[in-house]
């Protein structure tokens, strides 16, 4: 079954995101999501980069926003906030309820949020139909077929990308395996073993077919 990655551009429909990217001019990335029992809410793993002068004001907004019922900041330093939020969100709920996988979501230079999703032709059509039924104004800016020769599975790519972007591979580490595992809702031993296997797979792919070491 062929997989397709598509970028769906949406403006609005999630008030706290609009405030973060508009009022505070911050850079936002949504790295993962998880459905909740409440149909109008979603758990989202986020990373926000904001002017350090506005960091405290942004934190106060997030903690007092009526659209956010739960907030946990797992890492905060130099204008970079990483955490988990439980909030209302039409678009994110549609993605979570579909058979598509959120690769990431981020804002550009304007007010639009780019939702990069992975799915089949059928699941992407269903997602877009769901958005239209909810009167979400969106446009597709990019769509491409994912080749079967990718070295990593979608989950492996998500795990190692999240670890990389949150500083797990930095020296010294910006985040340890425990906090990273909590952010990603994965048991620490499971995450550690998954990252180890993924790194081995990448190395095998890198050296496969190449000249022997020392040549």
N, C-alpha and C. Protein backbone atom coordinates (compact mmCIF):
# COMPACT_ATOMS: atom_id res chain seq x y z
N UNK A 1 0.85 -1.19 0.00
CA UNK A 1 0.00 0.00 0.00
C UNK A 1 0.88 1.25 0.00
N UNK A 2 0.71 2.12 -1.00
CA UNK A 2 1.53 3.31 -1.11
C UNK A 2 1.13 4.35 -0.06
N UNK A 3 2.15 5.00 0.53
CA UNK A 3 1.92 6.06 1.50
C UNK A 3 2.22 7.41 0.87
N UNK A 4 1.51 8.41 1.33
CA UNK A 4 1.65 9.77 0.80
C UNK A 4 1.82 10.75 1.95
N UNK A 5 2.74 11.68 1.78
CA UNK A 5 2.89 12.79 2.74
C UNK A 5 2.27 14.04 2.10
N UNK A 6 1.51 14.76 2.90
CA UNK A 6 0.86 15.97 2.40
C UNK A 6 0.99 17.08 3.43
N UNK A 7 1.13 18.31 2.96
CA UNK A 7 1.15 19.48 3.84
C UNK A 7 -0.16 20.23 3.67
N UNK A 8 -0.91 20.33 4.75
CA UNK A 8 -2.20 21.01 4.75
C UNK A 8 -2.05 22.31 5.52
N UNK A 9 -2.34 23.42 4.87
CA UNK A 9 -2.20 24.74 5.48
C UNK A 9 -3.56 25.21 6.00
N UNK A 10 -3.60 25.58 7.28
CA UNK A 10 -4.84 26.01 7.93
C UNK A 10 -4.57 27.28 8.73
N UNK A 11 -5.49 28.23 8.64
CA UNK A 11 -5.39 29.44 9.46
C UNK A 11 -6.51 29.43 10.49
N UNK A 12 -6.15 29.59 11.74
CA UNK A 12 -7.15 29.62 12.80
C UNK A 12 -7.57 28.25 13.25
N UNK A 13 -8.71 28.18 13.94
CA UNK A 13 -9.33 26.94 14.41
C UNK A 13 -8.68 26.34 15.66
N UNK A 14 -7.69 27.00 16.23
CA UNK A 14 -7.14 26.56 17.50
C UNK A 14 -6.61 27.81 18.19
N UNK A 15 -7.39 28.36 19.12
CA UNK A 15 -7.14 29.70 19.65
C UNK A 15 -5.78 29.84 20.30
N UNK A 16 -5.37 28.83 21.08
CA UNK A 16 -4.08 28.99 21.77
C UNK A 16 -2.93 29.01 20.78
N UNK A 17 -3.05 28.27 19.68
CA UNK A 17 -2.02 28.30 18.66
C UNK A 17 -1.98 29.66 17.97
N UNK A 18 -3.17 30.20 17.68
CA UNK A 18 -3.24 31.53 17.06
C UNK A 18 -2.56 32.58 17.94
N UNK A 19 -2.78 32.49 19.26
CA UNK A 19 -2.17 33.45 20.18
C UNK A 19 -0.65 33.29 20.23
N UNK A 20 -0.20 32.05 20.31
CA UNK A 20 1.24 31.79 20.39
C UNK A 20 1.97 32.31 19.16
N UNK A 21 1.42 32.03 17.99
CA UNK A 21 2.10 32.41 16.76
C UNK A 21 1.83 33.85 16.35
N UNK A 22 0.66 34.38 16.72
CA UNK A 22 0.31 35.74 16.33
C UNK A 22 0.67 36.77 17.38
N UNK A 23 0.04 36.70 18.53
CA UNK A 23 0.25 37.69 19.58
C UNK A 23 1.70 37.72 20.07
N UNK A 24 2.31 36.54 20.20
CA UNK A 24 3.67 36.48 20.75
C UNK A 24 4.74 36.24 19.69
N UNK A 25 4.33 36.07 18.45
CA UNK A 25 5.29 35.93 17.35
C UNK A 25 6.23 34.76 17.52
N UNK A 26 5.77 33.68 18.14
CA UNK A 26 6.64 32.55 18.45
C UNK A 26 6.66 31.54 17.31
N UNK A 27 7.68 30.73 17.32
CA UNK A 27 7.81 29.60 16.39
C UNK A 27 7.27 28.36 17.10
N UNK A 28 6.33 27.67 16.48
CA UNK A 28 5.67 26.54 17.12
C UNK A 28 5.83 25.29 16.28
N UNK A 29 6.11 24.17 16.97
CA UNK A 29 6.11 22.86 16.32
C UNK A 29 5.31 21.90 17.20
N UNK A 30 4.37 21.20 16.60
CA UNK A 30 3.64 20.13 17.27
C UNK A 30 4.25 18.82 16.81
N UNK A 31 4.75 18.04 17.77
CA UNK A 31 5.55 16.87 17.44
C UNK A 31 4.79 15.56 17.55
N UNK A 32 3.71 15.57 18.33
CA UNK A 32 2.93 14.35 18.46
C UNK A 32 1.58 14.70 19.07
N UNK A 33 0.64 13.78 18.92
CA UNK A 33 -0.69 14.02 19.48
C UNK A 33 -1.29 12.71 19.96
N UNK A 34 -2.25 12.82 20.85
CA UNK A 34 -2.92 11.64 21.39
C UNK A 34 -4.34 12.02 21.73
N UNK A 35 -5.29 11.20 21.31
CA UNK A 35 -6.69 11.48 21.59
C UNK A 35 -7.01 11.33 23.07
N UNK A 36 -8.08 11.98 23.50
CA UNK A 36 -8.55 11.89 24.88
C UNK A 36 -10.00 11.41 24.88
N UNK A 37 -10.54 11.19 26.07
CA UNK A 37 -11.93 10.76 26.16
C UNK A 37 -12.89 11.86 25.74
N UNK A 38 -12.47 13.10 25.91
CA UNK A 38 -13.32 14.22 25.49
C UNK A 38 -13.13 14.45 24.01
N UNK A 39 -14.21 14.45 23.26
CA UNK A 39 -14.14 14.54 21.81
C UNK A 39 -13.62 15.88 21.32
N UNK A 40 -13.71 16.93 22.16
CA UNK A 40 -13.28 18.25 21.71
C UNK A 40 -11.87 18.59 22.18
N UNK A 41 -11.16 17.62 22.79
CA UNK A 41 -9.82 17.91 23.29
C UNK A 41 -8.80 16.92 22.73
N UNK A 42 -7.54 17.32 22.81
CA UNK A 42 -6.44 16.51 22.32
C UNK A 42 -5.21 16.80 23.16
N UNK A 43 -4.37 15.79 23.36
CA UNK A 43 -3.07 15.98 24.01
C UNK A 43 -2.03 16.21 22.93
N UNK A 44 -1.24 17.27 23.09
CA UNK A 44 -0.26 17.61 22.06
C UNK A 44 1.11 17.83 22.69
N UNK A 45 2.13 17.24 22.09
CA UNK A 45 3.52 17.47 22.47
C UNK A 45 4.02 18.64 21.62
N UNK A 46 4.49 19.70 22.26
CA UNK A 46 4.85 20.90 21.51
C UNK A 46 6.26 21.39 21.85
N UNK A 47 6.77 22.19 20.92
CA UNK A 47 8.02 22.92 21.12
C UNK A 47 7.78 24.35 20.66
N UNK A 48 8.05 25.32 21.52
CA UNK A 48 7.85 26.73 21.19
C UNK A 48 9.17 27.47 21.36
N UNK A 49 9.52 28.26 20.37
CA UNK A 49 10.69 29.14 20.46
C UNK A 49 10.18 30.57 20.40
N UNK A 50 10.49 31.35 21.44
CA UNK A 50 9.95 32.70 21.56
C UNK A 50 11.04 33.64 22.05
N UNK A 51 10.88 34.93 21.76
CA UNK A 51 11.79 35.95 22.28
C UNK A 51 11.85 35.82 23.80
N UNK A 52 13.05 35.77 24.34
CA UNK A 52 13.20 35.56 25.78
C UNK A 52 12.48 36.61 26.61
N UNK A 53 12.33 37.82 26.06
CA UNK A 53 11.63 38.88 26.78
C UNK A 53 10.14 38.58 26.92
N UNK A 54 9.63 37.75 26.02
CA UNK A 54 8.19 37.43 26.04
C UNK A 54 7.91 36.07 26.67
N UNK A 55 8.96 35.35 27.07
CA UNK A 55 8.78 33.98 27.54
C UNK A 55 7.84 33.89 28.74
N UNK A 56 8.04 34.73 29.75
CA UNK A 56 7.20 34.67 30.95
C UNK A 56 5.75 35.04 30.65
N UNK A 57 5.55 36.06 29.78
CA UNK A 57 4.20 36.46 29.42
C UNK A 57 3.50 35.33 28.67
N UNK A 58 4.24 34.65 27.78
CA UNK A 58 3.66 33.54 27.03
C UNK A 58 3.28 32.40 27.97
N UNK A 59 4.14 32.10 28.94
CA UNK A 59 3.84 31.05 29.91
C UNK A 59 2.58 31.38 30.71
N UNK A 60 2.44 32.65 31.11
CA UNK A 60 1.24 33.05 31.86
C UNK A 60 0.00 32.86 31.02
N UNK A 61 0.11 33.21 29.73
CA UNK A 61 -1.04 33.04 28.84
C UNK A 61 -1.42 31.56 28.76
N UNK A 62 -0.44 30.69 28.52
CA UNK A 62 -0.72 29.27 28.37
C UNK A 62 -1.36 28.69 29.63
N UNK A 63 -0.90 29.14 30.79
CA UNK A 63 -1.42 28.60 32.05
C UNK A 63 -2.82 29.12 32.38
N UNK A 64 -3.20 30.24 31.79
CA UNK A 64 -4.50 30.84 32.10
C UNK A 64 -5.50 30.78 30.95
N UNK A 65 -5.09 30.23 29.82
CA UNK A 65 -5.98 30.18 28.66
C UNK A 65 -7.17 29.27 28.94
N UNK A 66 -8.39 29.74 28.67
CA UNK A 66 -9.59 28.90 28.89
C UNK A 66 -9.66 27.72 27.93
N UNK A 67 -8.88 27.74 26.85
CA UNK A 67 -8.89 26.65 25.88
C UNK A 67 -7.92 25.53 26.25
N UNK A 68 -7.13 25.76 27.31
CA UNK A 68 -6.15 24.77 27.74
C UNK A 68 -6.56 24.24 29.10
N UNK A 69 -6.81 22.95 29.21
CA UNK A 69 -7.24 22.37 30.48
C UNK A 69 -6.08 21.75 31.26
N UNK A 70 -4.96 21.53 30.59
CA UNK A 70 -3.81 20.92 31.25
C UNK A 70 -2.53 21.35 30.53
N UNK A 71 -1.51 21.69 31.30
CA UNK A 71 -0.23 22.12 30.71
C UNK A 71 0.91 21.59 31.56
N UNK A 72 1.88 20.97 30.92
CA UNK A 72 3.09 20.51 31.61
C UNK A 72 4.30 20.93 30.80
N UNK A 73 5.12 21.80 31.38
CA UNK A 73 6.36 22.22 30.73
C UNK A 73 7.46 21.28 31.19
N UNK A 74 8.05 20.52 30.28
CA UNK A 74 9.07 19.55 30.64
C UNK A 74 10.48 20.09 30.46
N UNK A 75 10.62 21.16 29.67
CA UNK A 75 11.94 21.74 29.45
C UNK A 75 11.76 23.21 29.09
N UNK A 76 12.49 24.09 29.77
CA UNK A 76 12.37 25.52 29.52
C UNK A 76 13.74 26.17 29.68
N UNK A 77 14.25 26.76 28.59
CA UNK A 77 15.54 27.43 28.67
C UNK A 77 15.75 28.33 27.47
N UNK A 78 16.20 29.54 27.73
CA UNK A 78 16.61 30.49 26.68
C UNK A 78 15.54 30.69 25.60
N UNK A 79 14.30 30.85 26.02
CA UNK A 79 13.23 31.11 25.07
C UNK A 79 12.71 29.89 24.35
N UNK A 80 13.08 28.71 24.81
CA UNK A 80 12.61 27.47 24.19
C UNK A 80 11.81 26.69 25.22
N UNK A 81 10.55 26.40 24.89
CA UNK A 81 9.65 25.69 25.79
C UNK A 81 9.24 24.38 25.14
N UNK A 82 9.36 23.30 25.89
CA UNK A 82 8.92 21.99 25.43
C UNK A 82 7.95 21.45 26.47
N UNK A 83 6.83 20.91 26.03
CA UNK A 83 5.88 20.40 26.99
C UNK A 83 4.70 19.69 26.35
N UNK A 84 3.72 19.41 27.18
CA UNK A 84 2.50 18.72 26.75
C UNK A 84 1.30 19.58 27.12
N UNK A 85 0.37 19.71 26.21
CA UNK A 85 -0.82 20.51 26.45
C UNK A 85 -2.06 19.69 26.11
N UNK A 86 -3.07 19.83 26.96
CA UNK A 86 -4.39 19.27 26.66
C UNK A 86 -5.28 20.46 26.30
N UNK A 87 -5.75 20.50 25.07
CA UNK A 87 -6.47 21.68 24.61
C UNK A 87 -7.49 21.33 23.55
N UNK A 88 -8.40 22.27 23.33
CA UNK A 88 -9.38 22.11 22.26
C UNK A 88 -8.70 22.38 20.93
N UNK A 89 -9.05 21.60 19.92
CA UNK A 89 -8.44 21.79 18.62
C UNK A 89 -9.14 21.00 17.54
N UNK A 90 -9.82 21.69 16.64
CA UNK A 90 -10.59 21.03 15.59
C UNK A 90 -9.69 20.25 14.64
N UNK A 91 -8.64 20.91 14.13
CA UNK A 91 -7.79 20.27 13.12
C UNK A 91 -7.05 19.09 13.73
N UNK A 92 -6.46 19.30 14.91
CA UNK A 92 -5.69 18.23 15.52
C UNK A 92 -6.57 17.04 15.87
N UNK A 93 -7.81 17.32 16.28
CA UNK A 93 -8.72 16.22 16.60
C UNK A 93 -9.06 15.43 15.33
N UNK A 94 -9.22 16.13 14.22
CA UNK A 94 -9.50 15.46 12.95
C UNK A 94 -8.34 14.54 12.56
N UNK A 95 -7.12 15.02 12.73
CA UNK A 95 -5.95 14.21 12.40
C UNK A 95 -5.88 13.00 13.32
N UNK A 96 -6.09 13.22 14.61
CA UNK A 96 -6.00 12.14 15.59
C UNK A 96 -7.06 11.07 15.36
N UNK A 97 -8.24 11.49 14.90
CA UNK A 97 -9.34 10.54 14.68
C UNK A 97 -9.26 9.85 13.32
N UNK A 98 -8.36 10.30 12.48
CA UNK A 98 -8.24 9.71 11.14
C UNK A 98 -7.22 8.58 11.16
N UNK A 99 -7.03 7.97 10.00
CA UNK A 99 -6.00 6.95 9.85
C UNK A 99 -4.69 7.55 9.36
N UNK A 100 -4.58 8.88 9.46
CA UNK A 100 -3.35 9.56 9.09
C UNK A 100 -2.46 9.74 10.31
N UNK A 101 -1.19 9.94 10.07
CA UNK A 101 -0.20 10.13 11.13
C UNK A 101 0.36 11.54 11.01
N UNK A 102 0.41 12.26 12.13
CA UNK A 102 0.99 13.59 12.14
C UNK A 102 2.51 13.49 12.13
N UNK A 103 3.15 13.97 11.07
CA UNK A 103 4.60 14.01 11.01
C UNK A 103 5.09 15.17 11.87
N UNK A 104 4.53 16.35 11.66
CA UNK A 104 4.77 17.52 12.50
C UNK A 104 3.82 18.61 12.07
N UNK A 105 3.71 19.64 12.88
CA UNK A 105 2.97 20.84 12.49
C UNK A 105 3.79 22.04 12.94
N UNK A 106 3.84 23.06 12.12
CA UNK A 106 4.61 24.26 12.49
C UNK A 106 4.04 25.47 11.78
N UNK A 107 4.33 26.64 12.34
CA UNK A 107 3.89 27.87 11.70
C UNK A 107 5.00 28.44 10.83
N UNK A 108 4.59 29.14 9.78
CA UNK A 108 5.55 29.80 8.91
C UNK A 108 5.66 31.26 9.27
N UNK A 109 5.83 32.09 8.25
CA UNK A 109 5.99 33.52 8.50
C UNK A 109 4.65 34.21 8.77
N UNK A 110 3.55 33.60 8.36
CA UNK A 110 2.24 34.20 8.57
C UNK A 110 1.48 33.52 9.68
N UNK A 111 0.12 33.55 9.59
CA UNK A 111 -0.73 32.97 10.62
C UNK A 111 -1.12 31.54 10.33
N UNK A 112 -0.70 31.03 9.16
CA UNK A 112 -1.06 29.66 8.81
C UNK A 112 -0.22 28.65 9.58
N UNK A 113 -0.85 27.52 9.90
CA UNK A 113 -0.14 26.38 10.47
C UNK A 113 -0.04 25.31 9.40
N UNK A 114 1.17 24.82 9.19
CA UNK A 114 1.39 23.76 8.20
C UNK A 114 1.34 22.41 8.92
N UNK A 115 0.35 21.60 8.57
CA UNK A 115 0.18 20.27 9.16
C UNK A 115 0.73 19.25 8.16
N UNK A 116 1.85 18.63 8.51
CA UNK A 116 2.44 17.61 7.64
C UNK A 116 1.94 16.25 8.09
N UNK A 117 1.19 15.58 7.24
CA UNK A 117 0.57 14.31 7.62
C UNK A 117 0.96 13.21 6.65
N UNK A 118 0.91 11.99 7.14
CA UNK A 118 1.25 10.81 6.36
C UNK A 118 0.06 9.86 6.34
N UNK A 119 -0.27 9.34 5.18
CA UNK A 119 -1.38 8.40 5.08
C UNK A 119 -1.49 7.82 3.70
N UNK A 120 -2.54 7.04 3.48
CA UNK A 120 -2.82 6.52 2.15
C UNK A 120 -3.68 7.53 1.40
N UNK A 121 -3.88 7.30 0.12
CA UNK A 121 -4.76 8.19 -0.65
C UNK A 121 -6.15 8.21 -0.02
N UNK A 122 -6.62 7.05 0.38
CA UNK A 122 -7.96 6.98 0.97
C UNK A 122 -8.04 7.73 2.29
N UNK A 123 -7.06 7.51 3.19
CA UNK A 123 -7.12 8.17 4.50
C UNK A 123 -6.96 9.68 4.39
N UNK A 124 -6.16 10.13 3.43
CA UNK A 124 -6.00 11.58 3.23
C UNK A 124 -7.29 12.20 2.69
N UNK A 125 -7.95 11.49 1.77
CA UNK A 125 -9.23 12.00 1.25
C UNK A 125 -10.26 12.09 2.39
N UNK A 126 -10.28 11.06 3.24
CA UNK A 126 -11.21 11.06 4.37
C UNK A 126 -10.90 12.20 5.33
N UNK A 127 -9.63 12.47 5.60
CA UNK A 127 -9.25 13.58 6.48
C UNK A 127 -9.72 14.91 5.90
N UNK A 128 -9.50 15.12 4.62
CA UNK A 128 -9.90 16.38 4.00
C UNK A 128 -11.42 16.52 3.96
N UNK A 129 -12.12 15.42 3.74
CA UNK A 129 -13.59 15.45 3.76
C UNK A 129 -14.09 15.81 5.15
N UNK A 130 -13.44 15.29 6.18
CA UNK A 130 -13.82 15.59 7.56
C UNK A 130 -13.61 17.07 7.86
N UNK A 131 -12.49 17.63 7.38
CA UNK A 131 -12.22 19.05 7.59
C UNK A 131 -13.28 19.91 6.89
N UNK A 132 -13.66 19.52 5.68
CA UNK A 132 -14.69 20.28 4.95
C UNK A 132 -16.03 20.23 5.67
N UNK A 133 -16.39 19.05 6.20
CA UNK A 133 -17.66 18.93 6.91
C UNK A 133 -17.70 19.85 8.13
N UNK A 134 -16.54 20.09 8.73
CA UNK A 134 -16.46 20.98 9.90
C UNK A 134 -16.19 22.43 9.51
N UNK A 135 -16.27 22.70 8.20
CA UNK A 135 -16.11 24.06 7.65
C UNK A 135 -14.74 24.65 7.97
N UNK A 136 -13.72 23.81 7.93
CA UNK A 136 -12.35 24.28 8.10
C UNK A 136 -11.81 24.71 6.74
N UNK A 137 -11.37 25.96 6.66
CA UNK A 137 -10.81 26.49 5.41
C UNK A 137 -9.34 26.08 5.34
N UNK A 138 -8.98 25.26 4.36
CA UNK A 138 -7.60 24.78 4.26
C UNK A 138 -7.19 24.68 2.80
N UNK A 139 -5.92 24.52 2.59
CA UNK A 139 -5.40 24.25 1.25
C UNK A 139 -4.20 23.32 1.36
N UNK A 140 -4.00 22.52 0.33
CA UNK A 140 -2.89 21.58 0.29
C UNK A 140 -1.75 22.22 -0.50
N UNK A 141 -0.60 22.40 0.15
CA UNK A 141 0.51 23.09 -0.51
C UNK A 141 1.52 22.13 -1.11
N UNK A 142 1.52 20.89 -0.62
CA UNK A 142 2.53 19.94 -1.11
C UNK A 142 2.03 18.52 -0.88
N UNK A 143 2.28 17.66 -1.82
CA UNK A 143 1.89 16.27 -1.68
C UNK A 143 2.90 15.41 -2.43
N UNK A 144 3.37 14.34 -1.80
CA UNK A 144 4.39 13.51 -2.43
C UNK A 144 4.26 12.07 -1.95
N UNK A 145 4.65 11.14 -2.82
CA UNK A 145 4.59 9.72 -2.49
C UNK A 145 5.82 9.34 -1.70
N UNK A 146 5.64 8.54 -0.68
CA UNK A 146 6.76 8.06 0.14
C UNK A 146 7.27 6.77 -0.46
N UNK A 147 8.55 6.74 -0.78
CA UNK A 147 9.13 5.55 -1.40
C UNK A 147 9.26 4.43 -0.38
N UNK A 148 9.08 3.23 -0.83
CA UNK A 148 9.16 2.05 0.04
C UNK A 148 10.58 1.79 0.52
N UNK A 149 11.57 2.40 -0.10
CA UNK A 149 12.96 2.11 0.26
C UNK A 149 13.44 2.90 1.47
N UNK A 150 12.55 3.62 2.16
CA UNK A 150 12.95 4.36 3.34
C UNK A 150 13.54 3.40 4.37
N UNK A 151 14.64 3.81 4.99
CA UNK A 151 15.33 2.94 5.94
C UNK A 151 14.52 2.74 7.21
N UNK A 152 13.76 3.76 7.62
CA UNK A 152 13.07 3.71 8.90
C UNK A 152 11.56 3.63 8.71
N UNK A 153 10.91 3.01 9.67
CA UNK A 153 9.46 3.06 9.70
C UNK A 153 9.04 4.46 10.15
N UNK A 154 7.76 4.77 9.98
CA UNK A 154 7.26 6.09 10.39
C UNK A 154 7.47 6.31 11.88
N UNK A 155 7.20 5.28 12.68
CA UNK A 155 7.37 5.42 14.13
C UNK A 155 8.84 5.61 14.50
N UNK A 156 9.75 4.86 13.87
CA UNK A 156 11.17 5.01 14.15
C UNK A 156 11.64 6.42 13.79
N UNK A 157 11.17 6.92 12.66
CA UNK A 157 11.56 8.27 12.25
C UNK A 157 11.06 9.30 13.25
N UNK A 158 9.81 9.12 13.72
CA UNK A 158 9.26 10.05 14.70
C UNK A 158 10.07 10.01 15.99
N UNK A 159 10.41 8.81 16.48
CA UNK A 159 11.16 8.67 17.72
C UNK A 159 12.52 9.35 17.64
N UNK A 160 13.26 9.06 16.59
CA UNK A 160 14.61 9.59 16.52
C UNK A 160 14.61 11.08 16.19
N UNK A 161 13.62 11.53 15.42
CA UNK A 161 13.53 12.96 15.14
C UNK A 161 13.20 13.74 16.41
N UNK A 162 12.26 13.24 17.20
CA UNK A 162 11.89 13.90 18.45
C UNK A 162 13.07 13.94 19.41
N UNK A 163 13.81 12.82 19.50
CA UNK A 163 14.98 12.78 20.37
C UNK A 163 16.03 13.78 19.91
N UNK A 164 16.25 13.84 18.60
CA UNK A 164 17.23 14.78 18.05
C UNK A 164 16.83 16.23 18.30
N UNK A 165 15.57 16.57 17.99
CA UNK A 165 15.13 17.95 18.09
C UNK A 165 15.07 18.43 19.54
N UNK A 166 14.92 17.52 20.48
CA UNK A 166 14.85 17.91 21.89
C UNK A 166 16.21 17.82 22.59
N UNK A 167 17.27 17.53 21.82
CA UNK A 167 18.62 17.61 22.38
C UNK A 167 19.13 16.35 23.05
N UNK A 168 18.52 15.20 22.79
CA UNK A 168 18.97 13.97 23.43
C UNK A 168 20.37 13.57 22.94
N UNK A 169 20.68 13.89 21.68
CA UNK A 169 21.97 13.51 21.12
C UNK A 169 23.02 14.60 21.26
N UNK A 170 22.67 15.74 21.87
CA UNK A 170 23.63 16.81 22.08
C UNK A 170 24.65 16.39 23.15
N UNK A 171 25.78 17.07 23.16
CA UNK A 171 26.77 16.85 24.23
C UNK A 171 27.16 18.22 24.79
N UNK A 172 26.83 18.48 26.07
CA UNK A 172 26.08 17.59 26.97
C UNK A 172 24.60 17.53 26.55
N UNK A 173 23.93 16.47 26.97
CA UNK A 173 22.53 16.27 26.61
C UNK A 173 21.68 17.42 27.15
N UNK A 174 20.73 17.90 26.31
CA UNK A 174 19.78 18.90 26.78
C UNK A 174 18.57 18.25 27.45
N UNK A 175 18.41 16.94 27.23
CA UNK A 175 17.31 16.22 27.86
C UNK A 175 17.73 14.77 28.07
N UNK A 176 17.32 14.19 29.18
CA UNK A 176 17.65 12.81 29.50
C UNK A 176 16.53 11.88 29.04
N UNK A 177 16.81 10.58 29.10
CA UNK A 177 15.87 9.60 28.57
C UNK A 177 14.55 9.61 29.33
N UNK A 178 14.59 9.85 30.66
CA UNK A 178 13.36 9.84 31.46
C UNK A 178 12.38 10.93 31.05
N UNK A 179 12.82 12.22 31.09
CA UNK A 179 11.93 13.31 30.66
C UNK A 179 11.49 13.17 29.20
N UNK A 180 12.39 12.70 28.34
CA UNK A 180 12.04 12.52 26.93
C UNK A 180 10.95 11.47 26.79
N UNK A 181 11.08 10.38 27.54
CA UNK A 181 10.08 9.31 27.48
C UNK A 181 8.72 9.80 27.96
N UNK A 182 8.71 10.62 29.02
CA UNK A 182 7.43 11.15 29.52
C UNK A 182 6.79 12.05 28.48
N UNK A 183 7.59 12.87 27.81
CA UNK A 183 7.06 13.74 26.77
C UNK A 183 6.40 12.94 25.66
N UNK A 184 6.99 11.79 25.34
CA UNK A 184 6.54 11.01 24.19
C UNK A 184 5.57 9.89 24.59
N UNK A 185 5.24 9.84 25.89
CA UNK A 185 4.31 8.84 26.40
C UNK A 185 4.78 7.42 26.08
N UNK A 186 6.08 7.19 26.34
CA UNK A 186 6.70 5.89 26.10
C UNK A 186 7.47 5.51 27.37
N UNK A 187 7.50 4.24 27.72
CA UNK A 187 8.29 3.80 28.87
C UNK A 187 9.77 4.02 28.58
N UNK A 188 10.56 4.53 29.53
CA UNK A 188 11.98 4.81 29.28
C UNK A 188 12.76 3.63 28.71
N UNK A 189 12.62 2.39 29.26
CA UNK A 189 13.37 1.27 28.67
C UNK A 189 12.98 1.01 27.21
N UNK A 190 11.68 1.17 26.91
CA UNK A 190 11.21 0.96 25.54
C UNK A 190 11.79 2.00 24.61
N UNK A 191 11.79 3.26 25.05
CA UNK A 191 12.34 4.33 24.23
C UNK A 191 13.83 4.13 24.01
N UNK A 192 14.56 3.79 25.07
CA UNK A 192 16.01 3.59 24.95
C UNK A 192 16.32 2.49 23.94
N UNK A 193 15.61 1.36 24.06
CA UNK A 193 15.86 0.24 23.16
C UNK A 193 15.47 0.59 21.72
N UNK A 194 14.37 1.33 21.56
CA UNK A 194 13.93 1.73 20.21
C UNK A 194 14.95 2.65 19.56
N UNK A 195 15.48 3.61 20.33
CA UNK A 195 16.49 4.52 19.79
C UNK A 195 17.77 3.77 19.43
N UNK A 196 18.15 2.80 20.27
CA UNK A 196 19.36 2.02 19.99
C UNK A 196 19.20 1.25 18.68
N UNK A 197 18.06 0.59 18.50
CA UNK A 197 17.83 -0.18 17.29
C UNK A 197 17.75 0.72 16.06
N UNK A 198 17.14 1.90 16.23
CA UNK A 198 17.02 2.84 15.11
C UNK A 198 18.39 3.36 14.69
N UNK A 199 19.24 3.69 15.68
CA UNK A 199 20.59 4.16 15.35
C UNK A 199 21.37 3.07 14.61
N UNK A 200 21.24 1.81 15.07
CA UNK A 200 21.92 0.71 14.40
C UNK A 200 21.43 0.57 12.96
N UNK A 201 20.12 0.71 12.77
CA UNK A 201 19.55 0.58 11.43
C UNK A 201 20.07 1.68 10.51
N UNK A 202 20.18 2.89 11.02
CA UNK A 202 20.70 4.00 10.22
C UNK A 202 22.16 3.78 9.85
N UNK A 203 22.95 3.28 10.80
CA UNK A 203 24.35 3.00 10.51
C UNK A 203 24.50 1.90 9.47
N UNK A 204 23.69 0.85 9.60
CA UNK A 204 23.74 -0.23 8.61
C UNK A 204 23.39 0.28 7.23
N UNK A 205 22.37 1.14 7.15
CA UNK A 205 21.95 1.71 5.87
C UNK A 205 23.05 2.60 5.30
N UNK A 206 23.72 3.35 6.19
CA UNK A 206 24.76 4.29 5.75
C UNK A 206 25.96 3.55 5.16
N UNK A 207 26.37 2.46 5.84
CA UNK A 207 27.59 1.77 5.42
C UNK A 207 27.33 0.69 4.38
N UNK A 208 26.06 0.34 4.13
CA UNK A 208 25.76 -0.72 3.18
C UNK A 208 26.18 -0.30 1.77
N UNK A 209 26.98 -1.14 1.14
CA UNK A 209 27.38 -0.87 -0.25
C UNK A 209 28.54 0.08 -0.36
N UNK A 210 29.02 0.61 0.76
CA UNK A 210 30.14 1.52 0.71
C UNK A 210 31.46 0.79 0.76
N UNK A 211 32.59 1.50 0.59
CA UNK A 211 33.89 0.85 0.62
C UNK A 211 34.24 0.39 2.01
N UNK A 212 35.06 -0.62 2.19
CA UNK A 212 35.48 -1.06 3.52
C UNK A 212 36.15 0.07 4.27
N UNK A 213 36.08 0.04 5.58
CA UNK A 213 36.71 1.06 6.39
C UNK A 213 38.21 1.06 6.13
N UNK A 214 38.74 2.28 6.02
CA UNK A 214 40.18 2.41 5.80
C UNK A 214 40.56 2.49 4.34
N UNK A 215 39.61 2.29 3.44
CA UNK A 215 39.91 2.35 2.01
C UNK A 215 39.89 3.80 1.53
